[in-house]
């Protein structure tokens, strides 16, 4: 969200991505997000007990994802 410095145009809900992560992986698996964007899939993977690897070529989106992941994982919310 914009009040937290997240200006990514297609931010997904963590709950939605957690559901999709659970459909395609098991706890302990590695989830790869080759277009990390705002980091939602990485956050969902962590919350669901998966390891994750996020890749983002845009410096702006990388910084958004990095800040969001740090903030979300510092004070985890279960949806």
PDB file of N, CA and C in Angstrom:
ATOM      1  N   UNK A   1       0.828  -1.179   0.000  1.00  0.00           N
ATOM      2  CA  UNK A   1       0.000   0.000   0.000  1.00  0.00           C
ATOM      3  C   UNK A   1       0.875   1.245   0.000  1.00  0.00           C
ATOM      4  N   UNK A   2       0.323   2.292  -0.526  1.00  0.00           N
ATOM      5  CA  UNK A   2       1.109   3.513  -0.732  1.00  0.00           C
ATOM      6  C   UNK A   2       1.538   4.181   0.565  1.00  0.00           C
ATOM      7  N   UNK A   3       0.778   4.026   1.633  1.00  0.00           N
ATOM      8  CA  UNK A   3       1.168   4.680   2.885  1.00  0.00           C
ATOM      9  C   UNK A   3       2.430   4.066   3.484  1.00  0.00           C
ATOM     10  N   UNK A   4       2.789   2.862   3.049  1.00  0.00           N
ATOM     11  CA  UNK A   4       4.021   2.205   3.496  1.00  0.00           C
ATOM     12  C   UNK A   4       5.095   2.218   2.417  1.00  0.00           C
ATOM     13  N   UNK A   5       4.935   3.033   1.389  1.00  0.00           N
ATOM     14  CA  UNK A   5       5.942   3.139   0.341  1.00  0.00           C
ATOM     15  C   UNK A   5       5.853   2.067  -0.721  1.00  0.00           C
ATOM     16  N   UNK A   6       4.736   1.368  -0.797  1.00  0.00           N
ATOM     17  CA  UNK A   6       4.572   0.308  -1.780  1.00  0.00           C
ATOM     18  C   UNK A   6       3.736   0.846  -2.945  1.00  0.00           C
ATOM     19  N   UNK A   7       4.432   1.235  -4.006  1.00  0.00           N
ATOM     20  CA  UNK A   7       3.756   1.801  -5.171  1.00  0.00           C
ATOM     21  C   UNK A   7       3.675   0.810  -6.323  1.00  0.00           C
ATOM     22  N   UNK A   8       3.858  -0.468  -6.039  1.00  0.00           N
ATOM     23  CA  UNK A   8       3.788  -1.471  -7.100  1.00  0.00           C
ATOM     24  C   UNK A   8       2.354  -1.528  -7.621  1.00  0.00           C
ATOM     25  N   UNK A   9       2.164  -1.587  -8.950  1.00  0.00           N
ATOM     26  CA  UNK A   9       0.815  -1.499  -9.512  1.00  0.00           C
ATOM     27  C   UNK A   9      -0.038  -2.761  -9.367  1.00  0.00           C
ATOM     28  N   UNK A  10       0.564  -3.909  -9.046  1.00  0.00           N
ATOM     29  CA  UNK A  10      -0.240  -5.142  -8.982  1.00  0.00           C
ATOM     30  C   UNK A  10       0.024  -5.925  -7.704  1.00  0.00           C
ATOM     31  N   UNK A  11      -0.074  -5.277  -6.564  1.00  0.00           N
ATOM     32  CA  UNK A  11       0.124  -5.954  -5.282  1.00  0.00           C
ATOM     33  C   UNK A  11      -0.995  -6.965  -5.076  1.00  0.00           C
ATOM     34  N   UNK A  12      -0.600  -8.193  -4.744  1.00  0.00           N
ATOM     35  CA  UNK A  12      -1.576  -9.260  -4.491  1.00  0.00           C
ATOM     36  C   UNK A  12      -1.762  -9.425  -2.983  1.00  0.00           C
ATOM     37  N   UNK A  13      -2.916  -9.941  -2.558  1.00  0.00           N
ATOM     38  CA  UNK A  13      -3.114 -10.239  -1.137  1.00  0.00           C
ATOM     39  C   UNK A  13      -2.243 -11.434  -0.714  1.00  0.00           C
ATOM     40  N   UNK A  14      -1.626 -11.351   0.453  1.00  0.00           N
ATOM     41  CA  UNK A  14      -0.801 -12.451   0.939  1.00  0.00           C
ATOM     42  C   UNK A  14      -1.644 -13.717   1.086  1.00  0.00           C
ATOM     43  N   UNK A  15      -2.864 -13.568   1.531  1.00  0.00           N
ATOM     44  CA  UNK A  15      -3.739 -14.742   1.713  1.00  0.00           C
ATOM     45  C   UNK A  15      -3.942 -15.491   0.394  1.00  0.00           C
ATOM     46  N   UNK A  16      -4.148 -14.769  -0.696  1.00  0.00           N
ATOM     47  CA  UNK A  16      -4.315 -15.400  -2.008  1.00  0.00           C
ATOM     48  C   UNK A  16      -3.049 -16.140  -2.416  1.00  0.00           C
ATOM     49  N   UNK A  17      -1.907 -15.487  -2.270  1.00  0.00           N
ATOM     50  CA  UNK A  17      -0.657 -16.119  -2.676  1.00  0.00           C
ATOM     51  C   UNK A  17      -0.307 -17.297  -1.766  1.00  0.00           C
ATOM     52  N   UNK A  18      -0.672 -17.230  -0.493  1.00  0.00           N
ATOM     53  CA  UNK A  18      -0.448 -18.359   0.418  1.00  0.00           C
ATOM     54  C   UNK A  18      -1.251 -19.574  -0.043  1.00  0.00           C
ATOM     55  N   UNK A  19      -2.474 -19.342  -0.481  1.00  0.00           N
ATOM     56  CA  UNK A  19      -3.297 -20.432  -1.011  1.00  0.00           C
ATOM     57  C   UNK A  19      -2.628 -21.062  -2.232  1.00  0.00           C
ATOM     58  N   UNK A  20      -2.151 -20.233  -3.149  1.00  0.00           N
ATOM     59  CA  UNK A  20      -1.498 -20.750  -4.356  1.00  0.00           C
ATOM     60  C   UNK A  20      -0.181 -21.456  -4.017  1.00  0.00           C
ATOM     61  N   UNK A  21       0.568 -20.907  -3.079  1.00  0.00           N
ATOM     62  CA  UNK A  21       1.811 -21.562  -2.636  1.00  0.00           C
ATOM     63  C   UNK A  21       1.489 -22.939  -2.063  1.00  0.00           C
ATOM     64  N   UNK A  22       0.415 -23.039  -1.290  1.00  0.00           N
ATOM     65  CA  UNK A  22       0.050 -24.330  -0.678  1.00  0.00           C
ATOM     66  C   UNK A  22      -0.388 -25.351  -1.716  1.00  0.00           C
ATOM     67  N   UNK A  23      -0.934 -24.880  -2.834  1.00  0.00           N
ATOM     68  CA  UNK A  23      -1.352 -25.805  -3.895  1.00  0.00           C
ATOM     69  C   UNK A  23      -0.168 -26.401  -4.650  1.00  0.00           C
ATOM     70  N   UNK A  24       0.925 -25.627  -4.749  1.00  0.00           N
ATOM     71  CA  UNK A  24       2.035 -26.057  -5.594  1.00  0.00           C
ATOM     72  C   UNK A  24       3.290 -26.481  -4.873  1.00  0.00           C
ATOM     73  N   UNK A  25       3.237 -26.563  -3.530  1.00  0.00           N
ATOM     74  CA  UNK A  25       4.452 -26.916  -2.801  1.00  0.00           C
ATOM     75  C   UNK A  25       4.106 -27.507  -1.446  1.00  0.00           C
ATOM     76  N   UNK A  26       5.121 -28.096  -0.843  1.00  0.00           N
ATOM     77  CA  UNK A  26       5.000 -28.675   0.498  1.00  0.00           C
ATOM     78  C   UNK A  26       5.896 -27.883   1.454  1.00  0.00           C
ATOM     79  N   UNK A  27       5.604 -27.914   2.763  1.00  0.00           N
ATOM     80  CA  UNK A  27       6.495 -27.257   3.718  1.00  0.00           C
ATOM     81  C   UNK A  27       7.946 -27.719   3.514  1.00  0.00           C
ATOM     82  N   UNK A  28       8.857 -26.762   3.537  1.00  0.00           N
ATOM     83  CA  UNK A  28      10.270 -27.056   3.333  1.00  0.00           C
ATOM     84  C   UNK A  28      10.723 -26.932   1.884  1.00  0.00           C
ATOM     85  N   UNK A  29       9.782 -26.930   0.937  1.00  0.00           N
ATOM     86  CA  UNK A  29      10.130 -26.742  -0.471  1.00  0.00           C
ATOM     87  C   UNK A  29      10.649 -25.328  -0.701  1.00  0.00           C
ATOM     88  N   UNK A  30      11.280 -25.133  -1.854  1.00  0.00           N
ATOM     89  CA  UNK A  30      11.723 -23.803  -2.264  1.00  0.00           C
ATOM     90  C   UNK A  30      10.739 -23.256  -3.293  1.00  0.00           C
ATOM     91  N   UNK A  31      10.247 -22.064  -3.056  1.00  0.00           N
ATOM     92  CA  UNK A  31       9.339 -21.383  -3.974  1.00  0.00           C
ATOM     93  C   UNK A  31      10.140 -20.319  -4.721  1.00  0.00           C
ATOM     94  N   UNK A  32      10.122 -20.380  -6.032  1.00  0.00           N
ATOM     95  CA  UNK A  32      10.824 -19.412  -6.866  1.00  0.00           C
ATOM     96  C   UNK A  32       9.820 -18.430  -7.444  1.00  0.00           C
ATOM     97  N   UNK A  33      10.074 -17.145  -7.229  1.00  0.00           N
ATOM     98  CA  UNK A  33       9.264 -16.104  -7.859  1.00  0.00           C
ATOM     99  C   UNK A  33      10.190 -15.293  -8.762  1.00  0.00           C
ATOM    100  N   UNK A  34      10.178 -15.580 -10.079  1.00  0.00           N
ATOM    101  CA  UNK A  34      11.108 -14.912 -10.989  1.00  0.00           C
ATOM    102  C   UNK A  34      10.739 -13.466 -11.312  1.00  0.00           C
ATOM    103  N   UNK A  35       9.565 -13.039 -10.890  1.00  0.00           N
ATOM    104  CA  UNK A  35       9.123 -11.655 -11.081  1.00  0.00           C
ATOM    105  C   UNK A  35       8.571 -11.184  -9.739  1.00  0.00           C
ATOM    106  N   UNK A  36       9.443 -10.929  -8.803  1.00  0.00           N
ATOM    107  CA  UNK A  36       9.112 -10.733  -7.392  1.00  0.00           C
ATOM    108  C   UNK A  36       8.187  -9.547  -7.132  1.00  0.00           C
ATOM    109  N   UNK A  37       8.299  -8.503  -7.923  1.00  0.00           N
ATOM    110  CA  UNK A  37       7.408  -7.352  -7.755  1.00  0.00           C
ATOM    111  C   UNK A  37       7.456  -6.772  -6.366  1.00  0.00           C
ATOM    112  N   UNK A  38       6.346  -6.837  -5.642  1.00  0.00           N
ATOM    113  CA  UNK A  38       6.295  -6.257  -4.296  1.00  0.00           C
ATOM    114  C   UNK A  38       6.580  -7.281  -3.205  1.00  0.00           C
ATOM    115  N   UNK A  39       6.897  -8.520  -3.576  1.00  0.00           N
ATOM    116  CA  UNK A  39       7.328  -9.519  -2.607  1.00  0.00           C
ATOM    117  C   UNK A  39       6.243 -10.380  -1.993  1.00  0.00           C
ATOM    118  N   UNK A  40       5.020 -10.289  -2.473  1.00  0.00           N
ATOM    119  CA  UNK A  40       3.907 -11.018  -1.859  1.00  0.00           C
ATOM    120  C   UNK A  40       4.138 -12.518  -1.815  1.00  0.00           C
ATOM    121  N   UNK A  41       4.604 -13.104  -2.919  1.00  0.00           N
ATOM    122  CA  UNK A  41       4.804 -14.560  -2.957  1.00  0.00           C
ATOM    123  C   UNK A  41       5.884 -14.978  -1.968  1.00  0.00           C
ATOM    124  N   UNK A  42       6.923 -14.185  -1.826  1.00  0.00           N
ATOM    125  CA  UNK A  42       7.993 -14.500  -0.873  1.00  0.00           C
ATOM    126  C   UNK A  42       7.466 -14.479   0.558  1.00  0.00           C
ATOM    127  N   UNK A  43       6.651 -13.496   0.860  1.00  0.00           N
ATOM    128  CA  UNK A  43       6.045 -13.401   2.191  1.00  0.00           C
ATOM    129  C   UNK A  43       5.145 -14.603   2.437  1.00  0.00           C
ATOM    130  N   UNK A  44       4.313 -14.930   1.467  1.00  0.00           N
ATOM    131  CA  UNK A  44       3.401 -16.072   1.601  1.00  0.00           C
ATOM    132  C   UNK A  44       4.180 -17.365   1.788  1.00  0.00           C
ATOM    133  N   UNK A  45       5.248 -17.539   1.026  1.00  0.00           N
ATOM    134  CA  UNK A  45       6.060 -18.750   1.148  1.00  0.00           C
ATOM    135  C   UNK A  45       6.628 -18.873   2.563  1.00  0.00           C
ATOM    136  N   UNK A  46       7.160 -17.790   3.086  1.00  0.00           N
ATOM    137  CA  UNK A  46       7.728 -17.799   4.440  1.00  0.00           C
ATOM    138  C   UNK A  46       6.662 -18.157   5.468  1.00  0.00           C
ATOM    139  N   UNK A  47       5.500 -17.519   5.360  1.00  0.00           N
ATOM    140  CA  UNK A  47       4.402 -17.768   6.298  1.00  0.00           C
ATOM    141  C   UNK A  47       3.948 -19.221   6.227  1.00  0.00           C
ATOM    142  N   UNK A  48       4.006 -19.821   5.046  1.00  0.00           N
ATOM    143  CA  UNK A  48       3.560 -21.199   4.848  1.00  0.00           C
ATOM    144  C   UNK A  48       4.653 -22.231   5.110  1.00  0.00           C
ATOM    145  N   UNK A  49       5.801 -21.795   5.609  1.00  0.00           N
ATOM    146  CA  UNK A  49       6.867 -22.730   5.969  1.00  0.00           C
ATOM    147  C   UNK A  49       7.702 -23.204   4.793  1.00  0.00           C
ATOM    148  N   UNK A  50       7.753 -22.399   3.744  1.00  0.00           N
ATOM    149  CA  UNK A  50       8.583 -22.715   2.585  1.00  0.00           C
ATOM    150  C   UNK A  50       9.805 -21.808   2.573  1.00  0.00           C
ATOM    151  N   UNK A  51      10.854 -22.278   1.922  1.00  0.00           N
ATOM    152  CA  UNK A  51      11.987 -21.413   1.618  1.00  0.00           C
ATOM    153  C   UNK A  51      11.615 -20.685   0.340  1.00  0.00           C
ATOM    154  N   UNK A  52      12.266 -19.592   0.050  1.00  0.00           N
ATOM    155  CA  UNK A  52      11.883 -18.849  -1.148  1.00  0.00           C
ATOM    156  C   UNK A  52      13.077 -18.140  -1.758  1.00  0.00           C
ATOM    157  N   UNK A  53      12.936 -17.870  -3.043  1.00  0.00           N
ATOM    158  CA  UNK A  53      13.921 -17.107  -3.798  1.00  0.00           C
ATOM    159  C   UNK A  53      13.147 -16.173  -4.707  1.00  0.00           C
ATOM    160  N   UNK A  54      13.331 -14.870  -4.515  1.00  0.00           N
ATOM    161  CA  UNK A  54      12.657 -13.873  -5.338  1.00  0.00           C
ATOM    162  C   UNK A  54      13.657 -13.162  -6.226  1.00  0.00           C
ATOM    163  N   UNK A  55      13.295 -12.974  -7.477  1.00  0.00           N
ATOM    164  CA  UNK A  55      14.147 -12.294  -8.455  1.00  0.00           C
ATOM    165  C   UNK A  55      13.368 -11.099  -8.997  1.00  0.00           C
ATOM    166  N   UNK A  56      14.026  -9.945  -9.067  1.00  0.00           N
ATOM    167  CA  UNK A  56      13.379  -8.750  -9.609  1.00  0.00           C
ATOM    168  C   UNK A  56      14.427  -7.907 -10.325  1.00  0.00           C
ATOM    169  N   UNK A  57      14.170  -7.572 -11.587  1.00  0.00           N
ATOM    170  CA  UNK A  57      15.148  -6.787 -12.349  1.00  0.00           C
ATOM    171  C   UNK A  57      14.999  -5.280 -12.139  1.00  0.00           C
ATOM    172  N   UNK A  58      13.821  -4.832 -11.741  1.00  0.00           N
ATOM    173  CA  UNK A  58      13.594  -3.406 -11.503  1.00  0.00           C
ATOM    174  C   UNK A  58      14.135  -3.016 -10.128  1.00  0.00           C
ATOM    175  N   UNK A  59      15.039  -2.054 -10.096  1.00  0.00           N
ATOM    176  CA  UNK A  59      15.590  -1.597  -8.820  1.00  0.00           C
ATOM    177  C   UNK A  59      14.484  -1.039  -7.930  1.00  0.00           C
ATOM    178  N   UNK A  60      13.562  -0.296  -8.525  1.00  0.00           N
ATOM    179  CA  UNK A  60      12.458   0.285  -7.757  1.00  0.00           C
ATOM    180  C   UNK A  60      11.618  -0.807  -7.095  1.00  0.00           C
ATOM    181  N   UNK A  61      11.245  -1.845  -7.852  1.00  0.00           N
ATOM    182  CA  UNK A  61      10.428  -2.922  -7.289  1.00  0.00           C
ATOM    183  C   UNK A  61      11.226  -3.772  -6.317  1.00  0.00           C
ATOM    184  N   UNK A  62      12.525  -3.958  -6.597  1.00  0.00           N
ATOM    185  CA  UNK A  62      13.384  -4.688  -5.666  1.00  0.00           C
ATOM    186  C   UNK A  62      13.372  -4.007  -4.298  1.00  0.00           C
ATOM    187  N   UNK A  63      13.501  -2.687  -4.287  1.00  0.00           N
ATOM    188  CA  UNK A  63      13.507  -1.953  -3.024  1.00  0.00           C
ATOM    189  C   UNK A  63      12.154  -2.044  -2.323  1.00  0.00           C
ATOM    190  N   UNK A  64      11.074  -1.975  -3.093  1.00  0.00           N
ATOM    191  CA  UNK A  64       9.734  -2.143  -2.515  1.00  0.00           C
ATOM    192  C   UNK A  64       9.624  -3.520  -1.873  1.00  0.00           C
ATOM    193  N   UNK A  65      10.008  -4.560  -2.614  1.00  0.00           N
ATOM    194  CA  UNK A  65       9.910  -5.935  -2.102  1.00  0.00           C
ATOM    195  C   UNK A  65      10.787  -6.124  -0.874  1.00  0.00           C
ATOM    196  N   UNK A  66      12.004  -5.649  -0.933  1.00  0.00           N
ATOM    197  CA  UNK A  66      12.926  -5.811   0.191  1.00  0.00           C
ATOM    198  C   UNK A  66      12.356  -5.171   1.457  1.00  0.00           C
ATOM    199  N   UNK A  67      11.868  -3.948   1.340  1.00  0.00           N
ATOM    200  CA  UNK A  67      11.303  -3.258   2.502  1.00  0.00           C
ATOM    201  C   UNK A  67      10.040  -3.945   3.004  1.00  0.00           C
ATOM    202  N   UNK A  68       9.191  -4.374   2.087  1.00  0.00           N
ATOM    203  CA  UNK A  68       7.938  -5.018   2.479  1.00  0.00           C
ATOM    204  C   UNK A  68       8.200  -6.355   3.154  1.00  0.00           C
ATOM    205  N   UNK A  69       9.108  -7.148   2.595  1.00  0.00           N
ATOM    206  CA  UNK A  69       9.421  -8.448   3.185  1.00  0.00           C
ATOM    207  C   UNK A  69       9.988  -8.270   4.593  1.00  0.00           C
ATOM    208  N   UNK A  70      10.918  -7.351   4.753  1.00  0.00           N
ATOM    209  CA  UNK A  70      11.484  -7.097   6.089  1.00  0.00           C
ATOM    210  C   UNK A  70      10.386  -6.716   7.079  1.00  0.00           C
ATOM    211  N   UNK A  71       9.513  -5.804   6.674  1.00  0.00           N
ATOM    212  CA  UNK A  71       8.449  -5.332   7.564  1.00  0.00           C
ATOM    213  C   UNK A  71       7.455  -6.442   7.882  1.00  0.00           C
ATOM    214  N   UNK A  72       6.998  -7.151   6.879  1.00  0.00           N
ATOM    215  CA  UNK A  72       5.999  -8.203   7.082  1.00  0.00           C
ATOM    216  C   UNK A  72       6.534  -9.342   7.931  1.00  0.00           C
ATOM    217  N   UNK A  73       7.800  -9.717   7.725  1.00  0.00           N
ATOM    218  CA  UNK A  73       8.355 -10.851   8.447  1.00  0.00           C
ATOM    219  C   UNK A  73       8.837 -10.467   9.846  1.00  0.00           C
ATOM    220  N   UNK A  74       9.025  -9.179  10.083  1.00  0.00           N
ATOM    221  CA  UNK A  74       9.382  -8.708  11.430  1.00  0.00           C
ATOM    222  C   UNK A  74       8.189  -8.840  12.353  1.00  0.00           C
ATOM    223  N   UNK A  75       7.011  -8.518  11.854  1.00  0.00           N
ATOM    224  CA  UNK A  75       5.777  -8.619  12.639  1.00  0.00           C
ATOM    225  C   UNK A  75       4.783  -9.437  11.838  1.00  0.00           C
ATOM    226  N   UNK A  76       4.973 -10.780  11.839  1.00  0.00           N
ATOM    227  CA  UNK A  76       4.126 -11.635  11.005  1.00  0.00           C
ATOM    228  C   UNK A  76       2.639 -11.509  11.355  1.00  0.00           C
ATOM    229  N   UNK A  77       1.857 -11.522  10.313  1.00  0.00           N
ATOM    230  CA  UNK A  77       0.407 -11.502  10.461  1.00  0.00           C
ATOM    231  C   UNK A  77      -0.110 -12.759   9.764  1.00  0.00           C
ATOM    232  N   UNK A  78      -0.962 -13.471  10.403  1.00  0.00           N
ATOM    233  CA  UNK A  78      -1.516 -14.664   9.758  1.00  0.00           C
ATOM    234  C   UNK A  78      -2.785 -14.282   9.013  1.00  0.00           C
ATOM    235  N   UNK A  79      -2.606 -13.531   7.962  1.00  0.00           N
ATOM    236  CA  UNK A  79      -3.652 -13.070   7.065  1.00  0.00           C
ATOM    237  C   UNK A  79      -4.494 -12.114   7.807  1.00  0.00           C
TER     238      UNK A  79
END
